[in-house]
C-alpha atoms as a PDB file:
ATOM      1  CA  MET A   1      -4.982 -23.142  14.014  1.00  0.00           C
ATOM      2  CA  LEU A   2      -5.917 -24.612  10.592  1.00  0.00           C
ATOM      3  CA  SER A   3      -3.709 -23.463   7.670  1.00  0.00           C
ATOM      4  CA  ARG A   4      -6.732 -22.318   5.794  1.00  0.00           C
ATOM      5  CA  VAL A   5      -7.832 -20.035   8.549  1.00  0.00           C
ATOM      6  CA  ALA A   6      -4.192 -18.563   9.004  1.00  0.00           C
ATOM      7  CA  ASP A   7      -4.078 -18.003   5.223  1.00  0.00           C
ATOM      8  CA  SER A   8      -7.508 -16.318   5.297  1.00  0.00           C
ATOM      9  CA  LEU A   9      -6.513 -13.939   8.105  1.00  0.00           C
ATOM     10  CA  TYR A  10      -3.210 -13.136   6.495  1.00  0.00           C
ATOM     11  CA  TRP A  11      -4.997 -12.256   3.163  1.00  0.00           C
ATOM     12  CA  PHE A  12      -7.726 -10.322   4.973  1.00  0.00           C
ATOM     13  CA  GLY A  13      -5.009  -7.975   6.336  1.00  0.00           C
ATOM     14  CA  ARG A  14      -3.535  -7.610   2.842  1.00  0.00           C
ATOM     15  CA  TYR A  15      -6.726  -6.921   0.967  1.00  0.00           C
ATOM     16  CA  LEU A  16      -7.813  -4.315   3.528  1.00  0.00           C
ATOM     17  CA  GLN A  17      -4.502  -2.485   3.319  1.00  0.00           C
ATOM     18  CA  ARG A  18      -4.452  -2.743  -0.422  1.00  0.00           C
ATOM     19  CA  ALA A  19      -7.825  -1.023  -0.718  1.00  0.00           C
ATOM     20  CA  GLU A  20      -6.691   1.773   1.536  1.00  0.00           C
ATOM     21  CA  ASN A  21      -3.329   2.243  -0.101  1.00  0.00           C
ATOM     22  CA  THR A  22      -4.712   2.116  -3.573  1.00  0.00           C
ATOM     23  CA  ALA A  23      -6.772   5.085  -2.638  1.00  0.00           C
ATOM     24  CA  ARG A  24      -3.639   6.774  -1.229  1.00  0.00           C
ATOM     25  CA  LEU A  25      -1.623   6.005  -4.263  1.00  0.00           C
ATOM     26  CA  ILE A  26      -4.178   7.628  -6.490  1.00  0.00           C
ATOM     27  CA  ASN A  27      -4.042  10.622  -4.110  1.00  0.00           C
ATOM     28  CA  VAL A  28      -0.253  10.977  -4.795  1.00  0.00           C
ATOM     29  CA  ASN A  29      -1.137  11.831  -8.390  1.00  0.00           C
ATOM     30  CA  ALA A  30      -4.413  13.621  -7.967  1.00  0.00           C
ATOM     31  CA  ASN A  31      -3.277  15.954  -5.155  1.00  0.00           C
ATOM     32  CA  LEU A  32      -0.474  17.320  -7.400  1.00  0.00           C
ATOM     33  CA  LEU A  33      -3.163  18.692  -9.691  1.00  0.00           C
ATOM     34  CA  LEU A  34      -3.892  21.142  -6.905  1.00  0.00           C
ATOM     35  CA  ASP A  35      -0.385  22.283  -6.393  1.00  0.00           C
ATOM     36  CA  LEU A  36       1.351  22.476  -9.736  1.00  0.00           C
ATOM     37  CA  PRO A  37       1.144  25.414 -12.220  1.00  0.00           C
ATOM     38  CA  LYS A  38      -1.088  25.337 -15.277  1.00  0.00           C
ATOM     39  CA  GLY A  39       0.127  23.828 -18.405  1.00  0.00           C
ATOM     40  CA  MET A  40       1.854  20.947 -16.747  1.00  0.00           C
ATOM     41  CA  THR A  41       0.912  17.385 -17.930  1.00  0.00           C
ATOM     42  CA  MET A  42       0.063  14.757 -15.356  1.00  0.00           C
ATOM     43  CA  GLY A  43       0.817  11.213 -16.137  1.00  0.00           C
ATOM     44  CA  TRP A  44      -1.681   8.564 -14.931  1.00  0.00           C
ATOM     45  CA  GLU A  45      -0.315   5.573 -16.799  1.00  0.00           C
ATOM     46  CA  PRO A  46       2.536   4.904 -14.246  1.00  0.00           C
ATOM     47  CA  LEU A  47      -0.027   4.114 -11.603  1.00  0.00           C
ATOM     48  CA  VAL A  48      -1.138   1.035 -13.552  1.00  0.00           C
ATOM     49  CA  GLN A  49       2.497  -0.028 -14.021  1.00  0.00           C
ATOM     50  CA  ILE A  50       3.220   0.522 -10.335  1.00  0.00           C
ATOM     51  CA  VAL A  51       0.440  -1.827  -9.169  1.00  0.00           C
ATOM     52  CA  GLY A  52       1.662  -4.327 -11.715  1.00  0.00           C
ATOM     53  CA  ALA A  53      -1.520  -4.365 -13.656  1.00  0.00           C
ATOM     54  CA  ASP A  54      -0.529  -3.018 -17.000  1.00  0.00           C
ATOM     55  CA  GLU A  55      -1.237  -6.196 -18.924  1.00  0.00           C
ATOM     56  CA  THR A  56      -4.618  -6.621 -17.409  1.00  0.00           C
ATOM     57  CA  TYR A  57      -5.365  -3.007 -18.282  1.00  0.00           C
ATOM     58  CA  LYS A  58      -4.428  -3.533 -21.915  1.00  0.00           C
ATOM     59  CA  GLU A  59      -6.687  -6.497 -22.169  1.00  0.00           C
ATOM     60  CA  HIS A  60      -9.858  -4.471 -21.330  1.00  0.00           C
ATOM     61  CA  TYR A  61      -8.996  -0.957 -22.351  1.00  0.00           C
ATOM     62  CA  THR A  62      -7.776   0.523 -25.642  1.00  0.00           C
ATOM     63  CA  ASP A  63      -7.295   4.152 -24.657  1.00  0.00           C
ATOM     64  CA  ILE A  64      -5.034   5.419 -21.811  1.00  0.00           C
ATOM     65  CA  THR A  65      -7.097   8.152 -20.277  1.00  0.00           C
ATOM     66  CA  GLU A  66      -7.506   9.504 -16.806  1.00  0.00           C
ATOM     67  CA  ALA A  67     -11.076   8.336 -16.515  1.00  0.00           C
ATOM     68  CA  ASN A  68     -10.259   4.830 -17.720  1.00  0.00           C
ATOM     69  CA  ILE A  69      -7.302   4.416 -15.435  1.00  0.00           C
ATOM     70  CA  LEU A  70      -9.227   5.720 -12.394  1.00  0.00           C
ATOM     71  CA  ARG A  71     -12.096   3.428 -13.071  1.00  0.00           C
ATOM     72  CA  PHE A  72      -9.767   0.490 -13.471  1.00  0.00           C
ATOM     73  CA  LEU A  73      -7.991   1.198 -10.263  1.00  0.00           C
ATOM     74  CA  MET A  74     -11.043   1.924  -8.225  1.00  0.00           C
ATOM     75  CA  LEU A  75     -14.073  -0.025  -9.457  1.00  0.00           C
ATOM     76  CA  ASP A  76     -13.179  -2.565 -12.186  1.00  0.00           C
ATOM     77  CA  GLU A  77     -13.847  -5.970 -10.879  1.00  0.00           C
ATOM     78  CA  ARG A  78     -11.688  -7.485 -13.690  1.00  0.00           C
ATOM     79  CA  ASN A  79      -8.691  -5.884 -11.874  1.00  0.00           C
ATOM     80  CA  GLY A  80      -8.080  -8.026  -8.802  1.00  0.00           C
ATOM     81  CA  GLY A  81      -6.244  -5.141  -7.193  1.00  0.00           C
ATOM     82  CA  SER A  82      -8.891  -2.423  -7.626  1.00  0.00           C
ATOM     83  CA  ILE A  83     -10.400  -0.944  -4.485  1.00  0.00           C
ATOM     84  CA  LEU A  84     -13.751  -2.628  -5.091  1.00  0.00           C
ATOM     85  CA  SER A  85     -12.157  -6.036  -5.894  1.00  0.00           C
ATOM     86  CA  SER A  86      -9.925  -5.819  -2.734  1.00  0.00           C
ATOM     87  CA  LEU A  87     -12.916  -4.941  -0.454  1.00  0.00           C
ATOM     88  CA  HIS A  88     -14.956  -7.718  -2.049  1.00  0.00           C
ATOM     89  CA  ALA A  89     -12.132 -10.239  -1.479  1.00  0.00           C
ATOM     90  CA  ALA A  90     -11.773  -9.188   2.141  1.00  0.00           C
ATOM     91  CA  ARG A  91     -15.553  -9.434   2.642  1.00  0.00           C
ATOM     92  CA  GLU A  92     -15.634 -12.926   1.209  1.00  0.00           C
ATOM     93  CA  ILE A  93     -12.743 -14.028   3.473  1.00  0.00           C
ATOM     94  CA  LEU A  94     -14.536 -12.460   6.449  1.00  0.00           C
ATOM     95  CA  ARG A  95     -17.661 -14.414   5.632  1.00  0.00           C
ATOM     96  CA  THR A  96     -15.668 -17.739   6.037  1.00  0.00           C
ATOM     97  CA  VAL A  97     -13.845 -16.762   9.341  1.00  0.00           C
ATOM     98  CA  ARG A  98     -16.526 -14.696  11.059  1.00  0.00           C
ATOM     99  CA  ASP A  99     -15.973 -16.730  14.232  1.00  0.00           C
ATOM    100  CA  SER A 100     -12.401 -15.432  14.446  1.00  0.00           C
ATOM    101  CA  MET A 101     -13.387 -11.763  14.187  1.00  0.00           C
ATOM    102  CA  PRO A 102     -15.410  -9.260  16.233  1.00  0.00           C
ATOM    103  CA  ARG A 103     -18.978  -8.911  14.853  1.00  0.00           C
ATOM    104  CA  GLU A 104     -18.470  -5.131  14.486  1.00  0.00           C
ATOM    105  CA  VAL A 105     -15.764  -5.698  11.859  1.00  0.00           C
ATOM    106  CA  TRP A 106     -18.326  -7.472   9.573  1.00  0.00           C
ATOM    107  CA  GLU A 107     -20.782  -4.583   9.899  1.00  0.00           C
ATOM    108  CA  LYS A 108     -18.146  -1.793   9.227  1.00  0.00           C
ATOM    109  CA  LEU A 109     -16.658  -3.696   6.247  1.00  0.00           C
ATOM    110  CA  ASN A 110     -20.137  -4.300   4.756  1.00  0.00           C
ATOM    111  CA  ASP A 111     -20.811  -0.516   5.050  1.00  0.00           C
ATOM    112  CA  LEU A 112     -17.599   0.295   3.218  1.00  0.00           C
ATOM    113  CA  HIS A 113     -18.057  -2.294   0.519  1.00  0.00           C
ATOM    114  CA  TYR A 114     -21.601  -1.207  -0.282  1.00  0.00           C
ATOM    115  CA  PHE A 115     -20.585   2.553  -0.295  1.00  0.00           C
ATOM    116  CA  VAL A 116     -17.881   1.814  -2.873  1.00  0.00           C
ATOM    117  CA  GLN A 117     -20.202  -0.413  -4.918  1.00  0.00           C
ATOM    118  CA  GLY A 118     -23.060   1.996  -4.842  1.00  0.00           C
ATOM    119  CA  ARG A 119     -21.224   5.419  -5.117  1.00  0.00           C
ATOM    120  CA  GLY A 120     -18.741   4.600  -7.802  1.00  0.00           C
ATOM    121  CA  GLU A 121     -20.059   7.369 -10.141  1.00  0.00           C
ATOM    122  CA  MET A 122     -18.273   9.804  -7.864  1.00  0.00           C
ATOM    123  CA  VAL A 123     -14.945   9.012  -9.547  1.00  0.00           C
ATOM    124  CA  THR A 124     -16.075  10.714 -12.750  1.00  0.00           C
ATOM    125  CA  SER A 125     -16.020  14.110 -10.874  1.00  0.00           C
ATOM    126  CA  ARG A 126     -12.676  15.474  -9.668  1.00  0.00           C
ATOM    127  CA  THR A 127     -14.370  17.312  -6.823  1.00  0.00           C
ATOM    128  CA  ARG A 128     -16.282  14.234  -5.539  1.00  0.00           C
ATOM    129  CA  ARG A 129     -13.454  11.927  -6.217  1.00  0.00           C
ATOM    130  CA  GLN A 130     -11.570  13.336  -3.305  1.00  0.00           C
ATOM    131  CA  GLU A 131     -14.514  12.739  -1.111  1.00  0.00           C
ATOM    132  CA  PHE A 132     -14.759   9.097  -2.389  1.00  0.00           C
ATOM    133  CA  LEU A 133     -11.103   8.335  -1.778  1.00  0.00           C
ATOM    134  CA  GLN A 134     -11.158   9.840   1.612  1.00  0.00           C
ATOM    135  CA  ARG A 135     -14.128   7.755   2.629  1.00  0.00           C
ATOM    136  CA  VAL A 136     -12.311   4.613   1.432  1.00  0.00           C
ATOM    137  CA  ILE A 137      -9.167   5.635   3.477  1.00  0.00           C
ATOM    138  CA  ASP A 138     -11.329   6.481   6.595  1.00  0.00           C
ATOM    139  CA  GLY A 139     -13.448   3.289   6.308  1.00  0.00           C
ATOM    140  CA  SER A 140     -10.441   0.998   5.975  1.00  0.00           C
ATOM    141  CA  VAL A 141      -8.765   2.665   8.971  1.00  0.00           C
ATOM    142  CA  LEU A 142     -11.951   2.178  11.012  1.00  0.00           C
ATOM    143  CA  VAL A 143     -12.250  -1.457  10.190  1.00  0.00           C
ATOM    144  CA  TYR A 144      -8.566  -2.091  11.110  1.00  0.00           C
ATOM    145  CA  GLY A 145      -8.953   0.022  14.302  1.00  0.00           C
ATOM    146  CA  THR A 146     -11.967  -2.049  15.295  1.00  0.00           C
ATOM    147  CA  LEU A 147      -9.903  -5.180  14.836  1.00  0.00           C
ATOM    148  CA  THR A 148      -6.882  -4.014  16.798  1.00  0.00           C
ATOM    149  CA  THR A 149      -9.024  -2.883  19.723  1.00  0.00           C
ATOM    150  CA  ASN A 150     -11.351  -5.900  19.983  1.00  0.00           C
ATOM    151  CA  MET A 151      -9.522  -8.887  18.594  1.00  0.00           C
ATOM    152  CA  SER A 152      -7.595 -11.255  21.000  1.00  0.00           C
ATOM    153  CA  ARG A 153      -3.838 -11.357  20.435  1.00  0.00           C
ATOM    154  CA  ASP A 154      -3.837 -15.048  19.549  1.00  0.00           C
ATOM    155  CA  VAL A 155      -2.065 -16.695  16.622  1.00  0.00           C
ATOM    156  CA  GLY A 156      -4.798 -15.615  14.246  1.00  0.00           C
ATOM    157  CA  PHE A 157      -4.213 -12.007  15.108  1.00  0.00           C
ATOM    158  CA  GLN A 158      -0.438 -12.500  14.402  1.00  0.00           C
ATOM    159  CA  PHE A 159      -1.154 -13.652  10.840  1.00  0.00           C
ATOM    160  CA  LEU A 160      -3.575 -10.807  10.301  1.00  0.00           C
ATOM    161  CA  LYS A 161      -0.754  -8.429  11.518  1.00  0.00           C
ATOM    162  CA  VAL A 162       1.755 -10.053   9.246  1.00  0.00           C
ATOM    163  CA  GLY A 163      -0.417  -9.661   6.228  1.00  0.00           C
ATOM    164  CA  THR A 164      -1.226  -6.066   7.045  1.00  0.00           C
ATOM    165  CA  ASN A 165       2.425  -5.043   7.391  1.00  0.00           C
ATOM    166  CA  VAL A 166       3.730  -6.968   4.368  1.00  0.00           C
ATOM    167  CA  GLU A 167       1.098  -5.163   2.287  1.00  0.00           C
ATOM    168  CA  GLN A 168       1.827  -1.818   3.831  1.00  0.00           C
ATOM    169  CA  ALA A 169       5.614  -2.124   3.246  1.00  0.00           C
ATOM    170  CA  ASP A 170       4.933  -3.140  -0.356  1.00  0.00           C
ATOM    171  CA  MET A 171       2.593  -0.219  -0.931  1.00  0.00           C
ATOM    172  CA  THR A 172       4.888   2.317   0.661  1.00  0.00           C
ATOM    173  CA  THR A 173       7.570   1.265  -1.749  1.00  0.00           C
ATOM    174  CA  ARG A 174       5.105   1.509  -4.655  1.00  0.00           C
ATOM    175  CA  ILE A 175       3.969   4.965  -3.586  1.00  0.00           C
ATOM    176  CA  LEU A 176       7.652   6.024  -3.448  1.00  0.00           C
ATOM    177  CA  ASP A 177       8.036   4.498  -6.971  1.00  0.00           C
ATOM    178  CA  VAL A 178       5.379   6.945  -8.250  1.00  0.00           C
ATOM    179  CA  ARG A 179       8.017   9.715  -7.875  1.00  0.00           C
ATOM    180  CA  SER A 180      10.860   7.633  -9.268  1.00  0.00           C
ATOM    181  CA  THR A 181       8.931   7.089 -12.396  1.00  0.00           C
ATOM    182  CA  SER A 182       8.121  10.785 -12.815  1.00  0.00           C
ATOM    183  CA  LEU A 183       4.533  11.603 -12.290  1.00  0.00           C
ATOM    184  CA  ILE A 184       5.237  14.933 -13.874  1.00  0.00           C
ATOM    185  CA  ASP A 185       5.905  15.020 -17.692  1.00  0.00           C
ATOM    186  CA  SER A 186       8.501  17.883 -17.726  1.00  0.00           C
ATOM    187  CA  SER A 187       9.109  17.586 -21.425  1.00  0.00           C
ATOM    188  CA  GLY A 188      12.533  18.947 -21.021  1.00  0.00           C
ATOM    189  CA  ARG A 189      11.571  22.043 -19.070  1.00  0.00           C
ATOM    190  CA  HIS A 190      13.988  23.461 -16.608  1.00  0.00           C
ATOM    191  CA  ASP A 191      11.598  25.615 -14.774  1.00  0.00           C
ATOM    192  CA  LEU A 192      10.088  22.661 -12.766  1.00  0.00           C
ATOM    193  CA  ALA A 193      12.839  22.335 -10.161  1.00  0.00           C
ATOM    194  CA  PRO A 194      10.910  24.438  -7.560  1.00  0.00           C
ATOM    195  CA  PHE A 195       8.068  22.027  -7.837  1.00  0.00           C
ATOM    196  CA  TYR A 196       9.976  18.844  -7.139  1.00  0.00           C
ATOM    197  CA  ASN A 197       9.761  19.198  -3.428  1.00  0.00           C
ATOM    198  CA  ILE A 198       5.929  19.802  -3.817  1.00  0.00           C
ATOM    199  CA  GLN A 199       5.839  16.177  -5.204  1.00  0.00           C
ATOM    200  CA  TRP A 200       7.562  14.814  -2.185  1.00  0.00           C
ATOM    201  CA  MET A 201       5.304  16.701   0.034  1.00  0.00           C
ATOM    202  CA  SER A 202       2.402  15.120  -1.711  1.00  0.00           C
ATOM    203  CA  VAL A 203       3.867  11.602  -1.206  1.00  0.00           C
ATOM    204  CA  LEU A 204       4.181  12.467   2.645  1.00  0.00           C
ATOM    205  CA  ARG A 205       0.556  13.614   2.764  1.00  0.00           C
ATOM    206  CA  SER A 206      -0.690  10.537   0.816  1.00  0.00           C
ATOM    207  CA  LEU A 207       0.719   8.370   3.633  1.00  0.00           C
ATOM    208  CA  THR A 208      -0.485  10.862   6.429  1.00  0.00           C
ATOM    209  CA  ALA A 209       3.182  11.264   7.149  1.00  0.00           C
ATOM    210  CA  TYR A 210       3.748  14.990   6.741  1.00  0.00           C
ATOM    211  CA  GLN A 211       3.413  15.983  10.486  1.00  0.00           C
ATOM    212  CA  MET A 212       5.512  12.982  11.725  1.00  0.00           C
ATOM    213  CA  TYR A 213       8.160  13.786   9.023  1.00  0.00           C
ATOM    214  CA  ARG A 214       8.431  17.336  10.396  1.00  0.00           C
ATOM    215  CA  ARG A 215       8.570  16.084  13.962  1.00  0.00           C
ATOM    216  CA  HIS A 216      11.294  13.447  13.263  1.00  0.00           C
ATOM    217  CA  VAL A 217      13.409  15.101  10.607  1.00  0.00           C
ATOM    218  CA  ARG A 218      12.964  18.729  11.690  1.00  0.00           C
ATOM    219  CA  ALA A 219      13.876  20.061   8.261  1.00  0.00           C
ATOM    220  CA  ARG A 220      12.164  21.224   5.062  1.00  0.00           C
ATOM    221  CA  VAL A 221      10.678  18.538   2.863  1.00  0.00           C
ATOM    222  CA  ASN A 222      13.213  17.267   0.427  1.00  0.00           C
ATOM    223  CA  ARG A 223      13.881  14.110  -1.603  1.00  0.00           C
ATOM    224  CA  THR A 224      16.686  12.587   0.649  1.00  0.00           C
ATOM    225  CA  GLY A 225      14.735  13.258   3.852  1.00  0.00           C
ATOM    226  CA  VAL A 226      11.535  11.798   2.629  1.00  0.00           C
ATOM    227  CA  LEU A 227      13.247   8.661   1.315  1.00  0.00           C
ATOM    228  CA  ARG A 228      15.134   8.077   4.537  1.00  0.00           C
ATOM    229  CA  PHE A 229      12.034   8.650   6.682  1.00  0.00           C
ATOM    230  CA  LEU A 230       9.659   6.401   4.674  1.00  0.00           C
ATOM    231  CA  LEU A 231      12.241   3.688   4.112  1.00  0.00           C
ATOM    232  CA  GLN A 232      14.370   3.588   7.320  1.00  0.00           C
ATOM    233  CA  ASN A 233      12.432   5.235  10.122  1.00  0.00           C
ATOM    234  CA  ARG A 234      11.747   2.655  12.860  1.00  0.00           C
ATOM    235  CA  GLU A 235       8.969   4.603  14.559  1.00  0.00           C
ATOM    236  CA  PHE A 236       6.517   5.641  11.849  1.00  0.00           C
ATOM    237  CA  PRO A 237       4.007   2.895  11.201  1.00  0.00           C
ATOM    238  CA  ARG A 238       3.917   3.232   7.393  1.00  0.00           C
ATOM    239  CA  SER A 239       7.638   3.190   6.889  1.00  0.00           C
ATOM    240  CA  VAL A 240       9.070   0.085   5.358  1.00  0.00           C
ATOM    241  CA  MET A 241      11.485  -0.566   8.284  1.00  0.00           C
ATOM    242  CA  PHE A 242       8.724  -0.246  10.826  1.00  0.00           C
ATOM    243  CA  CYS A 243       6.525  -2.688   8.882  1.00  0.00           C
ATOM    244  CA  LEU A 244       9.347  -5.303   8.602  1.00  0.00           C
ATOM    245  CA  GLY A 245       9.961  -4.805  12.420  1.00  0.00           C
ATOM    246  CA  ALA A 246       6.282  -5.465  13.140  1.00  0.00           C
ATOM    247  CA  VAL A 247       6.487  -8.731  11.072  1.00  0.00           C
ATOM    248  CA  GLY A 248       9.523  -9.743  13.066  1.00  0.00           C
ATOM    249  CA  ALA A 249       7.763  -9.088  16.308  1.00  0.00           C
ATOM    250  CA  CYS A 250       5.074 -11.679  15.156  1.00  0.00           C
ATOM    251  CA  LEU A 251       7.526 -14.453  14.634  1.00  0.00           C
ATOM    252  CA  PRO A 252       8.027 -15.419  18.275  1.00  0.00           C
ATOM    253  CA  HIS A 253       4.245 -16.125  18.495  1.00  0.00           C
ATOM    254  CA  LEU A 254       4.305 -18.476  15.456  1.00  0.00           C
ATOM    255  CA  PRO A 255       5.848 -21.846  14.932  1.00  0.00           C
ATOM    256  CA  GLN A 256       9.580 -21.445  14.252  1.00  0.00           C
ATOM    257  CA  ASN A 257      10.736 -21.576  10.665  1.00  0.00           C
ATOM    258  CA  ARG A 258      14.213 -20.704   9.749  1.00  0.00           C
ATOM    259  CA  ASN A 259      13.508 -19.822   6.164  1.00  0.00           C
ATOM    260  CA  VAL A 260      10.941 -17.327   7.132  1.00  0.00           C
ATOM    261  CA  GLU A 261      13.428 -15.723   9.494  1.00  0.00           C
ATOM    262  CA  ARG A 262      16.293 -15.652   7.003  1.00  0.00           C
ATOM    263  CA  THR A 263      14.078 -14.085   4.379  1.00  0.00           C
ATOM    264  CA  LEU A 264      12.834 -11.359   6.709  1.00  0.00           C
ATOM    265  CA  TRP A 265      16.353 -10.501   7.998  1.00  0.00           C
ATOM    266  CA  ARG A 266      17.614 -10.308   4.456  1.00  0.00           C
ATOM    267  CA  VAL A 267      15.043  -7.697   3.461  1.00  0.00           C
ATOM    268  CA  ARG A 268      15.584  -5.767   6.697  1.00  0.00           C
ATOM    269  CA  ALA A 269      19.293  -5.606   6.073  1.00  0.00           C
ATOM    270  CA  LEU A 270      18.624  -4.415   2.468  1.00  0.00           C
ATOM    271  CA  VAL A 271      16.550  -1.512   3.734  1.00  0.00           C
ATOM    272  CA  GLN A 272      18.574  -0.685   6.748  1.00  0.00           C
ATOM    273  CA  ASP A 273      21.865  -0.539   4.972  1.00  0.00           C
ATOM    274  CA  ALA A 274      20.737   1.475   1.942  1.00  0.00           C
ATOM    275  CA  ASN A 275      22.782   4.560   1.329  1.00  0.00           C
ATOM    276  CA  ILE A 276      20.096   7.085   0.654  1.00  0.00           C
ATOM    277  CA  GLU A 277      22.498   9.880  -0.513  1.00  0.00           C
ATOM    278  CA  ARG A 278      23.984   7.591  -3.173  1.00  0.00           C
ATOM    279  CA  LEU A 279      20.510   6.464  -4.237  1.00  0.00           C
ATOM    280  CA  VAL A 280      19.448  10.069  -4.744  1.00  0.00           C
ATOM    281  CA  GLU A 281      22.373  10.422  -7.220  1.00  0.00           C
ATOM    282  CA  LYS A 282      22.060   7.098  -9.042  1.00  0.00           C
ATOM    283  CA  GLY A 283      18.320   6.503  -8.894  1.00  0.00           C
ATOM    284  CA  LEU A 284      15.826   4.853  -6.639  1.00  0.00           C
ATOM    285  CA  SER A 285      14.118   2.300  -8.860  1.00  0.00           C
ATOM    286  CA  GLU A 286      16.738  -0.428  -8.527  1.00  0.00           C
ATOM    287  CA  LEU A 287      16.490  -0.417  -4.733  1.00  0.00           C
ATOM    288  CA  ILE A 288      12.648  -0.391  -4.778  1.00  0.00           C
ATOM    289  CA  ASP A 289      12.788  -3.367  -7.220  1.00  0.00           C
ATOM    290  CA  GLU A 290      15.034  -5.202  -4.902  1.00  0.00           C
ATOM    291  CA  ILE A 291      12.787  -4.525  -1.854  1.00  0.00           C
ATOM    292  CA  GLN A 292       9.670  -5.689  -3.652  1.00  0.00           C
ATOM    293  CA  ILE A 293      11.372  -8.734  -4.844  1.00  0.00           C
ATOM    294  CA  GLY A 294      12.371  -9.392  -1.194  1.00  0.00           C
ATOM    295  CA  LEU A 295       8.812  -8.850   0.018  1.00  0.00           C
ATOM    296  CA  GLY A 296       7.549 -11.253  -2.566  1.00  0.00           C
ATOM    297  CA  GLU A 297      10.097 -13.808  -1.322  1.00  0.00           C
ATOM    298  CA  MET A 298       8.970 -13.197   2.173  1.00  0.00           C
ATOM    299  CA  HIS A 299       5.310 -13.827   1.286  1.00  0.00           C
ATOM    300  CA  ALA A 300       6.309 -17.057  -0.465  1.00  0.00           C
ATOM    301  CA  SER A 301       8.262 -18.231   2.595  1.00  0.00           C
ATOM    302  CA  PHE A 302       5.165 -17.589   4.842  1.00  0.00           C
ATOM    303  CA  ALA A 303       2.900 -19.450   2.355  1.00  0.00           C
ATOM    304  CA  GLN A 304       5.305 -22.312   2.239  1.00  0.00           C
ATOM    305  CA  ALA A 305       5.760 -22.564   6.070  1.00  0.00           C
ATOM    306  CA  TYR A 306       2.227 -21.955   7.303  1.00  0.00           C
ATOM    307  CA  PHE A 307      -0.411 -21.858   4.641  1.00  0.00           C
ATOM    308  CA  ARG A 308       0.162 -24.889   2.372  1.00  0.00           C
ATOM    309  CA  THR A 309      -1.519 -28.147   3.495  1.00  0.00           C
ATOM    310  CA  PRO A 310       0.837 -31.058   3.386  1.00  0.00           C
ATOM    311  CA  ALA A 311       0.185 -33.663   0.768  1.00  0.00           C
ATOM    312  CA  ALA A 312      -1.784 -36.686   2.054  1.00  0.00           C
END
């Protein structure tokens, strides 16, 4: 397979997951509005920081408001990680590798892209925003489901799967980071403790993980249980450990590269050996940062090994 095609399939998987998970990330914050008592201030600015786009935001917006941040994350084409930009990038990639993909994928991705492009005004209404986000999530899942049921399990599919799981692992850590950076502005109030677990329940629901959490953990939702489940569970498809395992399962189908393998095993060991109870006491951000750095190194190792064309 040409390195250009492998690179395209890898990034198609990443962009599709990015669009879906950006919608989920926004839901982590938006859903709390429905559960928390009146008079509590919601913070939207951390969402821009979590996706690593705070400098881009400052270049184009002077005011930090809910409307500006949501438009930036959903529809702003100047933000390369917005939902619209991610779907556009995936569509452009698909245009160049259509021979490698089932025709139905092109049709379904087009439908989703035009929906987001044409119905963006829905984000201005809180009621309709939920419908918009759910349509993005459902449409992304439909595109990926069409791929997994109709695409041959050749080398191209392995690169698609690697990109999908690297992005999912990264976004799961970012969604967890929403909680560690405190979505709720408590302003020193001590009466918010009963609502902390509601935040963690919202995180689970944003990843469609609530029922599977209850099935595996068999306990009430709490911070330690959610962290352990979304970081270390080997059976839930959106957990970091599952995603890393899925990437590892692709390696036997690709040309062997020791640097790729070492980088992957290093990140897996970091997640697997994490002491969740101690993290709960000392803070989560440091571990999340280390995992995200590791995922960045893993991406770089794949790019170096498989996507860069040797110099002539």
